[in-house]
Amino acid sequence: MADLYAAVYNPDVLSCLANLSNDEVFTPPELANQVLDMLPEEIWRDPNARFLDPCSKTGIFLREIAKRLIRGQMPDFDQRMVIIDHKRANNEELSAVDLAYLDRLQPVLDHIFREQVFGIGITQLTALMTRRSLYCSKWANGKYSVVEFDSSEGNVRYRDLQHTWTGAKGKERCKWCGVPRATIEKNRTSDESHAYELIHTPNPEVIYDMQFDVIVGNPPYQLNDGGGEGSSALPLYNRFIEQAEKLNPRFLEMIIPARWYSGGKGLDSFRDMMLRDDRIRLLHDFPETSMCFPGQNIRGGVCYFLWERDYHGPTTVFNHSTTHPTSSSKRFLLEKGATTFIRYNDAISILNKVQSLKEETYDERVMARNPFGIPSNYSAFSKTPAEGSLKLYRSRRGSSDDKVVYIESGDVKKNKSLSQEWRVLVSKASPGGDDYPHAIFSTPLISEPGSVSTETYLVVDRLKSEEECLHLIDYMKTRFFRFLVSLIKTTQNISKGCFAFVPVQDLQEDWTDEKLYLKYGITATEQAFIESLIRPIE
């Protein structure tokens, strides 16, 4: 059984698996190896190094770790196994040298699989898949296992945990992951509880009761929490990182959504922790999800990082793109004066030029969500106007009918006087996928006196005239404006905070990209970069 890791995965079955659910995005083998490539080469030769995947799905990380450890501790492994496999395929008798090599190899395999490689399955199924990938048998004590353990789980465990509910009846949430009880019970389609072991314990160190040198994985990203219109998700990946850091490994590597850079529900403290952590040595950023997960669309893209316990300093940030060569820059994750991460290395010089003028920015002008208190699913409207009624701008997800309807003025409970002012609106849900160049947001529109809007729209500004509204819309259509929004916006929805880098202009005049590039001294190279990311709005 010793040769089972020698080029027998061709084609690799783990590259052909479909994802089980939105929280179980499987890691392609190529991506797993790119993540492992960030570790120092000498760790594969260290027989004392221990590795943990605390959120194993297919077992790809553990399998690739085992292969690297075998080659690191037996440098001639590939060369010798090619010879041995050739002889076996041709029914040739193995020589005494071959047999001696296999005798020498088996103790190394025993040590690697028993003492160095560990995992925690996120479900019973993924635990079985992991054992099959790692041991070549779903039962670690089976006769086909690369190393025969005393127990069926070997070093890949799964515990069927349950959530711990706290809070008032009907509003209970899990004290560990925060998911609402009602959501779990409503959406339960199987015995799976989504109570992952690493994040459902106050003391993760007791799970294996040992010190790990490397913790690596692709954790579950989110769980639906039942909030908002449609799907509202509670992030989980941050909890896996926080728990993994409690184990104090030498190295921590994880693949996670990039929305933590500036958005994400309940991620403010996590974002602040990450951006101020000078132990993140490497960060690989992928605005286009398909570069990591073909066929997937995780809005805002994904990233993976190397956190190193004994390192302190700036982070080397790699920007990956399907249309441009990879760029890298050594910088701190939190730029001076910023509260979010600027993902593009080439954007730093542009932002510095804009901020040097110290102008008011549009996060001071954009109104808070839903200023009139009218939800997106509001239905008590009329398709025709009546005396005293107000025009209502609405747009319901999945429906393009009746975007402009009418509402009784008495039904507006908040900011009724605002309905008599000129305003510019923009849909808070952005169009399209993660492909670039991107529009960033939909075409803005004017909300004239005598009109209101549902929470579908953000009020970008309150203005004095239709002319000012037209000038603001022209400004918003510029690539310059939308580029500055894109530096913060990493999710589908646009919020007030996404406008924090956009300077307010004099709306007595029209604005074009050419005028803005001239005003802020944007070079031809910087202009080309902006235009590579942002497509025109007609």
Protein backbone atom coordinates (compact mmCIF):
# COMPACT_ATOMS: atom_id res chain seq x y z
CA MET A 1 0.00 0.00 0.00
CA ALA A 2 3.01 2.28 0.33
CA ASP A 3 2.96 3.48 -3.26
CA LEU A 4 -0.63 4.75 -3.32
CA TYR A 5 0.46 8.39 -3.19
CA ALA A 6 2.67 8.07 -6.27
CA ALA A 7 0.87 9.65 -9.25
CA VAL A 8 -2.28 7.55 -8.91
CA TYR A 9 -4.59 10.61 -8.92
CA ASN A 10 -4.69 11.32 -12.63
CA PRO A 11 -7.22 12.63 -13.35
CA ASP A 12 -7.79 13.84 -9.81
CA VAL A 13 -11.29 12.92 -8.64
CA LEU A 14 -11.25 15.78 -6.12
CA SER A 15 -11.24 18.29 -8.98
CA CYS A 16 -14.54 16.87 -10.26
CA LEU A 17 -16.77 17.16 -7.17
CA ALA A 18 -19.75 19.50 -7.08
CA ASN A 19 -20.26 21.65 -4.00
CA LEU A 20 -22.72 20.28 -1.46
CA SER A 21 -24.10 23.63 -0.30
CA ASN A 22 -23.22 27.32 -0.06
CA ASP A 23 -21.16 26.72 3.08
CA GLU A 24 -19.31 23.74 1.64
CA VAL A 25 -17.31 25.16 -1.27
CA PHE A 26 -14.82 22.46 -2.17
CA THR A 27 -11.18 23.41 -2.71
CA PRO A 28 -9.68 22.45 -6.10
CA PRO A 29 -6.36 20.57 -5.80
CA GLU A 30 -4.49 23.33 -7.66
CA LEU A 31 -5.73 25.95 -5.22
CA ALA A 32 -4.85 23.82 -2.18
CA ASN A 33 -1.29 23.52 -3.45
CA GLN A 34 -1.02 27.25 -4.10
CA VAL A 35 -1.95 27.84 -0.46
CA LEU A 36 0.56 25.24 0.78
CA ASP A 37 3.26 26.80 -1.41
CA MET A 38 3.29 29.79 0.97
CA LEU A 39 4.80 27.66 3.75
CA PRO A 40 8.60 27.46 4.11
CA GLU A 41 10.09 24.54 2.21
CA GLU A 42 11.94 23.18 5.23
CA ILE A 43 8.71 22.36 7.05
CA TRP A 44 8.12 19.38 4.74
CA ARG A 45 11.40 17.84 5.93
CA ASP A 46 10.53 18.27 9.60
CA PRO A 47 9.29 14.98 11.14
CA ASN A 48 8.09 16.85 14.22
CA ALA A 49 5.82 19.35 12.45
CA ARG A 50 2.09 18.82 13.00
CA PHE A 51 -0.66 19.91 10.61
CA LEU A 52 -4.40 20.45 11.22
CA ASP A 53 -7.30 21.11 8.85
CA PRO A 54 -10.09 22.08 11.29
CA CYS A 55 -12.78 22.30 8.61
CA SER A 56 -12.03 19.43 6.25
CA LYS A 57 -14.39 18.66 3.38
CA THR A 58 -12.76 16.54 0.69
CA GLY A 59 -9.48 16.08 2.53
CA ILE A 60 -7.52 17.81 -0.23
CA PHE A 61 -5.31 19.82 2.14
CA LEU A 62 -4.43 16.80 4.27
CA ARG A 63 -3.77 14.62 1.23
CA GLU A 64 -1.44 17.18 -0.34
CA ILE A 65 0.29 17.78 3.00
CA ALA A 66 0.91 14.03 3.36
CA LYS A 67 2.36 13.83 -0.16
CA ARG A 68 4.72 16.72 0.55
CA LEU A 69 5.82 15.23 3.86
CA ILE A 70 6.56 11.89 2.20
CA ARG A 71 8.68 13.57 -0.46
CA GLY A 72 10.32 15.83 2.11
CA GLN A 73 11.35 12.94 4.37
CA MET A 74 12.06 10.48 1.56
CA PRO A 75 13.60 12.69 -1.18
CA ASP A 76 14.02 9.80 -3.60
CA PHE A 77 10.39 8.70 -3.21
CA ASP A 78 9.13 9.63 -6.70
CA GLN A 79 12.17 8.18 -8.50
CA ARG A 80 12.15 4.92 -6.59
CA MET A 81 8.37 4.40 -6.80
CA VAL A 82 8.38 4.90 -10.58
CA ILE A 83 10.77 1.95 -10.82
CA ILE A 84 8.81 -0.19 -8.37
CA ASP A 85 5.45 0.62 -10.00
CA HIS A 86 6.86 -0.22 -13.44
CA LYS A 87 8.01 -3.60 -12.22
CA ARG A 88 4.67 -4.31 -10.59
CA ALA A 89 2.74 -3.31 -13.70
CA ASN A 90 4.83 -5.75 -15.73
CA ASN A 91 4.70 -8.53 -13.12
CA GLU A 92 8.45 -8.30 -12.59
CA GLU A 93 9.96 -9.50 -9.38
CA LEU A 94 11.06 -6.76 -7.02
CA SER A 95 14.74 -6.72 -6.19
CA ALA A 96 16.18 -6.89 -2.72
CA VAL A 97 16.95 -3.17 -3.01
CA ASP A 98 13.29 -2.46 -3.87
CA LEU A 99 12.02 -4.49 -0.95
CA ALA A 100 14.47 -2.84 1.40
CA TYR A 101 13.26 0.58 0.22
CA LEU A 102 9.63 -0.34 0.90
CA ASP A 103 10.59 -1.63 4.34
CA ARG A 104 12.29 1.70 5.01
CA LEU A 105 9.33 3.68 3.65
CA GLN A 106 6.57 2.09 5.72
CA PRO A 107 7.75 3.45 9.11
CA VAL A 108 7.93 6.91 7.57
CA LEU A 109 4.32 6.58 6.37
CA ASP A 110 3.27 5.31 9.78
CA HIS A 111 4.85 8.32 11.46
CA ILE A 112 3.42 10.90 9.03
CA PHE A 113 -0.15 9.62 9.16
CA ARG A 114 -0.19 8.87 12.88
CA GLU A 115 1.83 11.79 14.29
CA GLN A 116 1.79 14.67 11.81
CA VAL A 117 -1.52 14.98 9.92
CA PHE A 118 -4.86 15.69 11.63
CA GLY A 119 -8.30 16.84 10.55
CA ILE A 120 -11.81 17.69 11.73
CA GLY A 121 -14.65 16.93 9.32
CA ILE A 122 -17.41 19.54 9.13
CA THR A 123 -20.00 16.80 8.55
CA GLN A 124 -20.07 13.03 8.86
CA LEU A 125 -19.97 12.78 5.06
CA THR A 126 -16.97 15.07 4.67
CA ALA A 127 -15.13 13.16 7.41
CA LEU A 128 -15.60 9.99 5.37
CA MET A 129 -14.46 11.78 2.21
CA THR A 130 -11.39 13.12 4.01
CA ARG A 131 -10.39 9.68 5.25
CA ARG A 132 -10.85 8.28 1.76
CA SER A 133 -8.59 10.99 0.33
CA LEU A 134 -5.99 10.76 3.07
CA TYR A 135 -5.90 7.06 3.95
CA CYS A 136 -7.33 5.66 0.68
CA SER A 137 -10.08 4.16 2.83
CA LYS A 138 -13.09 5.77 4.51
CA TRP A 139 -12.30 3.58 7.54
CA ALA A 140 -8.87 4.29 8.99
CA ASN A 141 -8.71 0.77 10.45
CA GLY A 142 -9.73 -0.93 7.21
CA LYS A 143 -7.46 -3.30 5.31
CA TYR A 144 -7.08 -0.81 2.42
CA SER A 145 -5.91 2.05 4.63
CA VAL A 146 -2.41 3.31 3.86
CA VAL A 147 -1.75 3.09 7.59
CA GLU A 148 -3.95 0.84 9.72
CA PHE A 149 -5.19 2.66 12.82
CA ASP A 150 -6.78 1.15 15.90
CA SER A 151 -9.93 3.25 15.38
CA SER A 152 -12.10 3.78 12.32
CA GLU A 153 -11.63 7.56 12.38
CA GLY A 154 -7.84 7.64 12.65
CA ASN A 155 -6.74 11.26 12.95
CA VAL A 156 -9.82 12.63 11.15
CA ARG A 157 -12.56 13.15 13.70
CA TYR A 158 -16.18 14.24 13.50
CA ARG A 159 -18.46 14.93 16.44
CA ASP A 160 -22.20 15.37 15.99
CA LEU A 161 -22.58 18.55 18.06
CA GLN A 162 -25.69 20.62 18.64
CA HIS A 163 -26.10 24.37 19.00
CA THR A 164 -26.39 25.91 22.46
CA TRP A 165 -29.41 28.22 22.40
CA THR A 166 -29.64 31.40 24.46
CA GLY A 167 -32.08 34.31 24.46
CA ALA A 168 -35.81 34.86 24.74
CA LYS A 169 -38.19 32.25 23.36
CA GLY A 170 -38.64 32.69 19.63
CA LYS A 171 -35.44 34.73 19.40
CA GLU A 172 -32.89 32.14 20.52
CA ARG A 173 -29.44 32.21 18.97
CA CYS A 174 -26.50 29.87 19.33
CA LYS A 175 -24.08 31.25 21.93
CA TRP A 176 -21.12 30.06 19.81
CA CYS A 177 -21.90 30.85 16.18
CA GLY A 178 -24.85 33.25 16.55
CA VAL A 179 -27.20 31.51 14.12
CA PRO A 180 -30.93 31.87 14.98
CA ARG A 181 -32.64 28.71 16.20
CA ALA A 182 -35.64 29.42 13.99
CA THR A 183 -33.44 29.45 10.91
CA ILE A 184 -31.81 26.11 11.70
CA GLU A 185 -35.15 24.46 12.41
CA LYS A 186 -36.88 25.98 9.38
CA ASN A 187 -34.15 25.05 6.90
CA ARG A 188 -33.21 21.67 8.32
CA THR A 189 -33.39 19.16 5.46
CA SER A 190 -31.28 16.44 7.05
CA ASP A 191 -29.67 15.49 10.33
CA GLU A 192 -26.88 18.02 9.69
CA SER A 193 -26.81 20.64 12.46
CA HIS A 194 -24.12 22.96 11.03
CA ALA A 195 -22.64 23.04 14.55
CA TYR A 196 -18.97 22.89 13.63
CA GLU A 197 -16.69 21.56 16.34
CA LEU A 198 -13.89 24.15 16.19
CA ILE A 199 -16.25 27.09 16.74
CA HIS A 200 -18.59 25.38 19.18
CA THR A 201 -16.14 25.06 22.03
CA PRO A 202 -14.63 27.70 24.34
CA ASN A 203 -11.33 25.82 24.47
CA PRO A 204 -10.40 24.52 21.01
CA GLU A 205 -7.05 23.27 22.31
CA VAL A 206 -8.78 20.36 24.06
CA ILE A 207 -10.02 18.87 20.77
CA TYR A 208 -6.68 17.19 20.04
CA ASP A 209 -4.73 18.34 23.11
CA MET A 210 -1.55 19.04 21.17
CA GLN A 211 0.40 21.92 19.65
CA PHE A 212 0.07 22.38 15.87
CA ASP A 213 2.68 24.01 13.69
CA VAL A 214 0.33 24.62 10.74
CA ILE A 215 -3.44 25.13 10.66
CA VAL A 216 -4.83 25.34 7.14
CA GLY A 217 -8.29 25.12 5.61
CA ASN A 218 -11.22 26.46 3.63
CA PRO A 219 -13.86 27.02 6.34
CA PRO A 220 -17.64 27.19 5.93
CA TYR A 221 -18.37 30.74 4.81
CA GLN A 222 -21.86 31.50 6.11
CA LEU A 223 -25.27 30.39 7.30
CA ASN A 224 -28.57 31.99 6.37
CA ASP A 225 -29.83 33.93 9.38
CA GLY A 226 -33.32 34.73 8.14
CA GLY A 227 -32.84 38.50 8.03
CA GLY A 228 -33.67 40.97 5.28
CA GLU A 229 -35.30 40.35 1.92
CA GLY A 230 -34.28 37.08 0.32
CA SER A 231 -31.09 35.54 1.67
CA SER A 232 -29.28 37.18 4.56
CA ALA A 233 -26.14 35.45 5.70
CA LEU A 234 -24.28 35.26 8.97
CA PRO A 235 -20.52 34.89 8.34
CA LEU A 236 -18.75 31.95 9.97
CA TYR A 237 -15.25 32.04 8.51
CA ASN A 238 -14.16 34.78 10.92
CA ARG A 239 -14.98 32.51 13.87
CA PHE A 240 -12.77 29.74 12.46
CA ILE A 241 -9.85 32.16 12.18
CA GLU A 242 -10.35 33.52 15.69
CA GLN A 243 -10.52 30.01 17.16
CA ALA A 244 -7.50 28.84 15.15
CA GLU A 245 -5.42 31.73 16.50
CA LYS A 246 -6.25 30.55 20.04
CA LEU A 247 -4.32 27.37 19.22
CA ASN A 248 -1.23 29.55 18.62
CA PRO A 249 0.18 27.70 15.60
CA ARG A 250 3.41 28.75 13.91
CA PHE A 251 1.49 29.26 10.67
CA LEU A 252 -2.19 29.82 9.86
CA GLU A 253 -3.54 29.70 6.30
CA MET A 254 -7.17 29.99 5.25
CA ILE A 255 -9.20 30.69 2.12
CA ILE A 256 -12.08 33.06 2.85
CA PRO A 257 -14.42 35.53 1.09
CA ALA A 258 -12.85 38.95 0.56
CA ARG A 259 -15.90 40.84 1.76
CA TRP A 260 -14.28 41.23 5.19
CA TYR A 261 -12.07 43.95 3.66
CA SER A 262 -14.84 46.53 4.08
CA GLY A 263 -18.22 44.85 4.56
CA GLY A 264 -19.97 41.78 5.89
CA LYS A 265 -22.55 41.47 8.64
CA GLY A 266 -21.05 41.69 12.13
CA LEU A 267 -17.45 41.77 10.89
CA ASP A 268 -16.35 45.15 12.24
CA SER A 269 -14.26 43.82 15.13
CA PHE A 270 -12.87 40.98 13.03
CA ARG A 271 -11.89 43.42 10.25
CA ASP A 272 -10.17 45.71 12.73
CA MET A 273 -8.27 42.74 14.20
CA MET A 274 -7.11 41.53 10.80
CA LEU A 275 -6.10 44.93 9.46
CA ARG A 276 -4.02 45.72 12.54
CA ASP A 277 -2.38 42.29 12.75
CA ASP A 278 1.21 42.65 11.55
CA ARG A 279 1.69 38.86 11.55
CA ILE A 280 -0.06 38.46 8.20
CA ARG A 281 2.98 37.98 5.99
CA LEU A 282 1.25 37.21 2.67
CA LEU A 283 -2.19 37.99 1.23
CA HIS A 284 -3.36 36.77 -2.18
CA ASP A 285 -6.42 38.68 -3.43
CA PHE A 286 -8.79 37.46 -6.18
CA PRO A 287 -11.60 39.90 -7.12
CA GLU A 288 -12.77 37.33 -9.68
CA THR A 289 -13.87 34.21 -7.80
CA SER A 290 -13.55 31.96 -10.84
CA MET A 291 -9.75 32.19 -10.62
CA CYS A 292 -9.96 30.08 -7.44
CA PHE A 293 -13.32 28.33 -7.72
CA PRO A 294 -14.36 27.78 -11.36
CA GLY A 295 -18.09 28.22 -11.83
CA GLN A 296 -18.62 29.94 -8.48
CA ASN A 297 -19.68 33.55 -7.93
CA ILE A 298 -18.82 34.72 -4.42
CA ARG A 299 -19.57 38.43 -4.59
CA GLY A 300 -16.51 40.50 -3.83
CA GLY A 301 -14.12 37.67 -4.62
CA VAL A 302 -11.95 35.61 -2.29
CA CYS A 303 -8.52 35.69 -0.71
CA TYR A 304 -6.10 33.43 1.10
CA PHE A 305 -3.39 34.47 3.52
CA LEU A 306 -0.39 33.31 5.51
CA TRP A 307 -0.36 34.34 9.17
CA GLU A 308 2.98 33.71 10.86
CA ARG A 309 3.22 33.77 14.64
CA ASP A 310 6.84 34.91 14.84
CA TYR A 311 6.68 37.52 12.05
CA HIS A 312 5.97 41.20 12.56
CA GLY A 313 5.95 43.65 9.67
CA PRO A 314 4.16 44.71 6.48
CA THR A 315 2.15 42.31 4.33
CA THR A 316 3.08 41.38 0.78
CA VAL A 317 -0.20 41.81 -1.10
CA PHE A 318 -0.67 39.99 -4.41
CA ASN A 319 -3.37 41.24 -6.80
CA HIS A 320 -4.52 38.50 -9.21
CA SER A 321 -6.51 39.22 -12.36
CA THR A 322 -7.64 37.38 -15.49
CA THR A 323 -6.71 40.37 -17.64
CA HIS A 324 -3.50 41.70 -16.06
CA PRO A 325 -0.27 40.22 -14.74
CA THR A 326 -0.19 39.60 -10.99
CA SER A 327 1.14 42.61 -9.09
CA SER A 328 2.64 42.61 -5.61
CA SER A 329 3.34 45.29 -3.05
CA LYS A 330 4.75 45.15 0.47
CA ARG A 331 2.53 47.35 2.61
CA PHE A 332 0.54 47.45 5.82
CA LEU A 333 -3.07 46.33 5.43
CA LEU A 334 -4.44 49.48 7.02
CA GLU A 335 -3.49 52.63 5.13
CA LYS A 336 -3.15 55.84 7.12
CA GLY A 337 -6.55 57.43 7.64
CA ALA A 338 -8.46 54.39 6.30
CA THR A 339 -10.74 52.02 8.17
CA THR A 340 -10.98 49.39 5.42
CA PHE A 341 -8.50 47.48 3.29
CA ILE A 342 -7.60 48.93 -0.13
CA ARG A 343 -7.35 45.74 -2.15
CA TYR A 344 -5.61 47.12 -5.26
CA ASN A 345 -1.94 47.98 -4.96
CA ASP A 346 -2.17 50.37 -7.91
CA ALA A 347 -5.02 52.26 -6.26
CA ILE A 348 -2.97 53.59 -3.35
CA SER A 349 -1.29 56.40 -5.30
CA ILE A 350 -4.63 57.48 -6.80
CA LEU A 351 -6.36 57.56 -3.43
CA ASN A 352 -3.51 59.53 -1.89
CA LYS A 353 -3.85 62.21 -4.59
CA VAL A 354 -7.61 62.47 -4.03
CA GLN A 355 -7.34 62.65 -0.25
CA SER A 356 -4.57 65.21 -0.33
CA LEU A 357 -7.15 67.92 -1.17
CA LYS A 358 -9.05 67.17 2.06
CA GLU A 359 -12.49 67.62 0.47
CA GLU A 360 -15.83 66.61 1.89
CA THR A 361 -16.78 63.07 0.87
CA TYR A 362 -20.12 61.59 -0.08
CA ASP A 363 -20.47 59.36 2.96
CA GLU A 364 -21.41 62.66 4.66
CA ARG A 365 -24.18 63.21 2.09
CA VAL A 366 -25.64 59.76 1.43
CA MET A 367 -28.66 59.18 3.65
CA ALA A 368 -29.08 56.19 5.93
CA ARG A 369 -30.87 53.16 4.59
CA ASN A 370 -34.65 53.41 4.00
CA PRO A 371 -35.20 57.12 4.82
CA PHE A 372 -38.98 56.91 4.25
CA GLY A 373 -39.52 53.64 6.13
CA ILE A 374 -40.99 51.91 3.07
CA PRO A 375 -39.78 48.29 2.66
CA SER A 376 -38.86 46.79 -0.69
CA ASN A 377 -41.88 44.47 -0.59
CA TYR A 378 -44.38 47.29 0.05
CA SER A 379 -47.56 46.43 -1.85
CA ALA A 380 -50.23 48.98 -0.81
CA PHE A 381 -49.64 51.13 -3.88
CA SER A 382 -51.64 52.21 -6.89
CA LYS A 383 -50.55 52.13 -10.51
CA THR A 384 -52.32 55.42 -11.19
CA PRO A 385 -51.98 58.75 -9.37
CA ALA A 386 -54.70 60.17 -7.14
CA GLU A 387 -55.15 63.58 -5.58
CA GLY A 388 -52.50 64.12 -2.91
CA SER A 389 -50.61 60.93 -3.73
CA LEU A 390 -46.83 60.68 -4.04
CA LYS A 391 -44.86 58.93 -6.74
CA LEU A 392 -43.06 55.85 -5.36
CA TYR A 393 -39.84 54.55 -6.90
CA ARG A 394 -39.54 50.84 -6.21
CA SER A 395 -37.74 47.83 -7.60
CA ARG A 396 -38.40 44.38 -6.21
CA ARG A 397 -35.85 41.61 -6.63
CA GLY A 398 -36.96 39.25 -9.40
CA SER A 399 -39.57 41.69 -10.75
CA SER A 400 -39.18 44.53 -13.23
CA ASP A 401 -42.88 45.51 -13.32
CA ASP A 402 -44.33 48.62 -11.72
CA LYS A 403 -41.05 50.28 -10.76
CA VAL A 404 -42.89 53.64 -10.59
CA VAL A 405 -46.20 53.57 -8.73
CA TYR A 406 -48.16 55.83 -6.35
CA ILE A 407 -48.67 55.90 -2.61
CA GLU A 408 -50.89 57.87 -0.23
CA SER A 409 -48.88 60.60 1.50
CA GLY A 410 -50.28 59.47 4.85
CA ASP A 411 -48.49 56.13 4.42
CA VAL A 412 -45.10 57.84 4.60
CA LYS A 413 -44.14 57.68 8.28
CA LYS A 414 -40.61 59.13 8.14
CA ASN A 415 -39.05 62.26 6.62
CA LYS A 416 -42.25 63.31 4.84
CA SER A 417 -40.82 66.78 4.15
CA LEU A 418 -37.97 65.14 2.25
CA SER A 419 -40.50 64.07 -0.39
CA GLN A 420 -40.66 67.71 -1.57
CA GLU A 421 -36.93 67.97 -2.30
CA TRP A 422 -34.84 67.03 -5.34
CA ARG A 423 -32.85 63.84 -4.78
CA VAL A 424 -30.60 61.46 -6.68
CA LEU A 425 -31.16 57.75 -6.08
CA VAL A 426 -29.12 54.64 -6.82
CA SER A 427 -30.11 51.03 -6.33
CA LYS A 428 -28.33 49.53 -3.33
CA ALA A 429 -27.99 46.20 -5.18
CA SER A 430 -25.26 46.26 -7.81
CA PRO A 431 -25.65 44.58 -11.20
CA GLY A 432 -23.63 41.79 -12.79
CA GLY A 433 -21.11 39.33 -11.46
CA ASP A 434 -17.45 39.55 -10.54
CA ASP A 435 -16.15 39.88 -14.09
CA TYR A 436 -14.19 43.02 -14.97
CA PRO A 437 -14.53 45.76 -16.05
CA HIS A 438 -17.48 46.17 -13.72
CA ALA A 439 -20.31 48.75 -13.55
CA ILE A 440 -20.17 48.91 -9.68
CA PHE A 441 -23.73 50.25 -9.50
CA SER A 442 -26.78 50.72 -11.73
CA THR A 443 -27.65 53.93 -13.55
CA PRO A 444 -28.71 56.59 -10.99
CA LEU A 445 -32.08 58.33 -11.30
CA ILE A 446 -33.72 61.56 -10.19
CA SER A 447 -36.40 61.56 -7.51
CA GLU A 448 -38.26 64.82 -8.00
CA PRO A 449 -40.38 66.77 -5.48
CA GLY A 450 -43.57 64.85 -4.87
CA SER A 451 -41.88 61.45 -4.82
CA VAL A 452 -40.48 58.92 -2.35
CA SER A 453 -38.64 55.62 -2.64
CA THR A 454 -38.49 52.21 -1.01
CA GLU A 455 -35.46 50.84 0.78
CA THR A 456 -34.36 49.43 -2.58
CA TYR A 457 -32.70 52.77 -3.24
CA LEU A 458 -30.10 54.86 -1.48
CA VAL A 459 -30.55 58.63 -1.43
CA VAL A 460 -27.14 59.83 -2.63
CA ASP A 461 -27.79 63.54 -2.07
CA ARG A 462 -30.50 66.16 -1.51
CA LEU A 463 -30.18 68.95 -4.04
CA LYS A 464 -31.64 72.34 -4.95
CA SER A 465 -32.59 71.79 -8.57
CA GLU A 466 -32.99 69.33 -11.41
CA GLU A 467 -29.85 70.77 -12.97
CA GLU A 468 -27.78 69.85 -9.92
CA CYS A 469 -29.27 66.36 -10.00
CA LEU A 470 -28.24 65.96 -13.63
CA HIS A 471 -24.71 67.12 -12.85
CA LEU A 472 -24.46 64.67 -9.94
CA ILE A 473 -25.67 61.82 -12.14
CA ASP A 474 -23.06 62.69 -14.73
CA TYR A 475 -20.45 62.68 -11.97
CA MET A 476 -21.65 59.31 -10.70
CA LYS A 477 -21.42 57.88 -14.19
CA THR A 478 -17.73 58.72 -14.43
CA ARG A 479 -15.29 55.88 -14.03
CA PHE A 480 -13.45 58.01 -11.49
CA PHE A 481 -16.46 58.18 -9.12
CA ARG A 482 -17.28 54.47 -9.42
CA PHE A 483 -13.64 53.47 -9.05
CA LEU A 484 -13.45 55.21 -5.67
CA VAL A 485 -16.65 53.44 -4.60
CA SER A 486 -15.17 50.11 -5.71
CA LEU A 487 -12.24 50.51 -3.31
CA ILE A 488 -14.65 49.94 -0.41
CA LYS A 489 -17.51 48.01 -1.98
CA THR A 490 -16.79 44.26 -1.78
CA THR A 491 -20.36 42.92 -1.62
CA GLN A 492 -23.39 43.11 -3.88
CA ASN A 493 -25.07 45.76 -1.75
CA ILE A 494 -23.91 49.37 -1.65
CA SER A 495 -23.99 51.13 1.71
CA LYS A 496 -23.46 54.69 2.88
CA GLY A 497 -19.89 53.84 3.86
CA CYS A 498 -18.96 52.83 0.30
CA PHE A 499 -18.85 56.53 -0.63
CA ALA A 500 -16.20 57.47 1.96
CA PHE A 501 -13.46 58.03 -0.65
CA VAL A 502 -15.59 59.99 -3.16
CA PRO A 503 -15.04 63.77 -2.96
CA VAL A 504 -17.98 66.17 -3.26
CA GLN A 505 -17.78 68.42 -6.34
CA ASP A 506 -19.34 71.77 -7.26
CA LEU A 507 -22.57 70.71 -8.95
CA GLN A 508 -23.02 74.04 -10.69
CA GLU A 509 -20.90 72.53 -13.44
CA ASP A 510 -20.74 69.23 -15.27
CA TRP A 511 -18.05 66.64 -14.53
CA THR A 512 -16.29 64.21 -16.83
CA ASP A 513 -13.45 61.78 -16.32
CA GLU A 514 -11.14 64.09 -18.25
CA LYS A 515 -11.83 67.03 -15.92
CA LEU A 516 -11.46 64.85 -12.85
CA TYR A 517 -8.20 63.28 -14.04
CA LEU A 518 -6.82 66.77 -14.62
CA LYS A 519 -8.02 68.10 -11.25
CA TYR A 520 -6.43 65.27 -9.26
CA GLY A 521 -3.33 64.76 -11.40
CA ILE A 522 -4.19 61.20 -12.42
CA THR A 523 -1.47 59.92 -14.76
CA ALA A 524 -2.05 58.07 -18.02
CA THR A 525 -0.98 54.82 -16.35
CA GLU A 526 -3.38 55.40 -13.46
CA GLN A 527 -6.17 56.25 -15.89
CA ALA A 528 -5.59 53.00 -17.74
CA PHE A 529 -5.77 51.12 -14.45
CA ILE A 530 -9.09 52.75 -13.52
CA GLU A 531 -10.54 52.01 -16.94
CA SER A 532 -9.42 48.38 -16.75
CA LEU A 533 -11.64 47.93 -13.69
CA ILE A 534 -14.63 50.16 -14.44
CA ARG A 535 -16.75 49.96 -17.58
CA PRO A 536 -18.71 52.92 -19.00
CA ILE A 537 -22.35 53.54 -18.09
CA GLU A 538 -24.32 54.64 -21.13
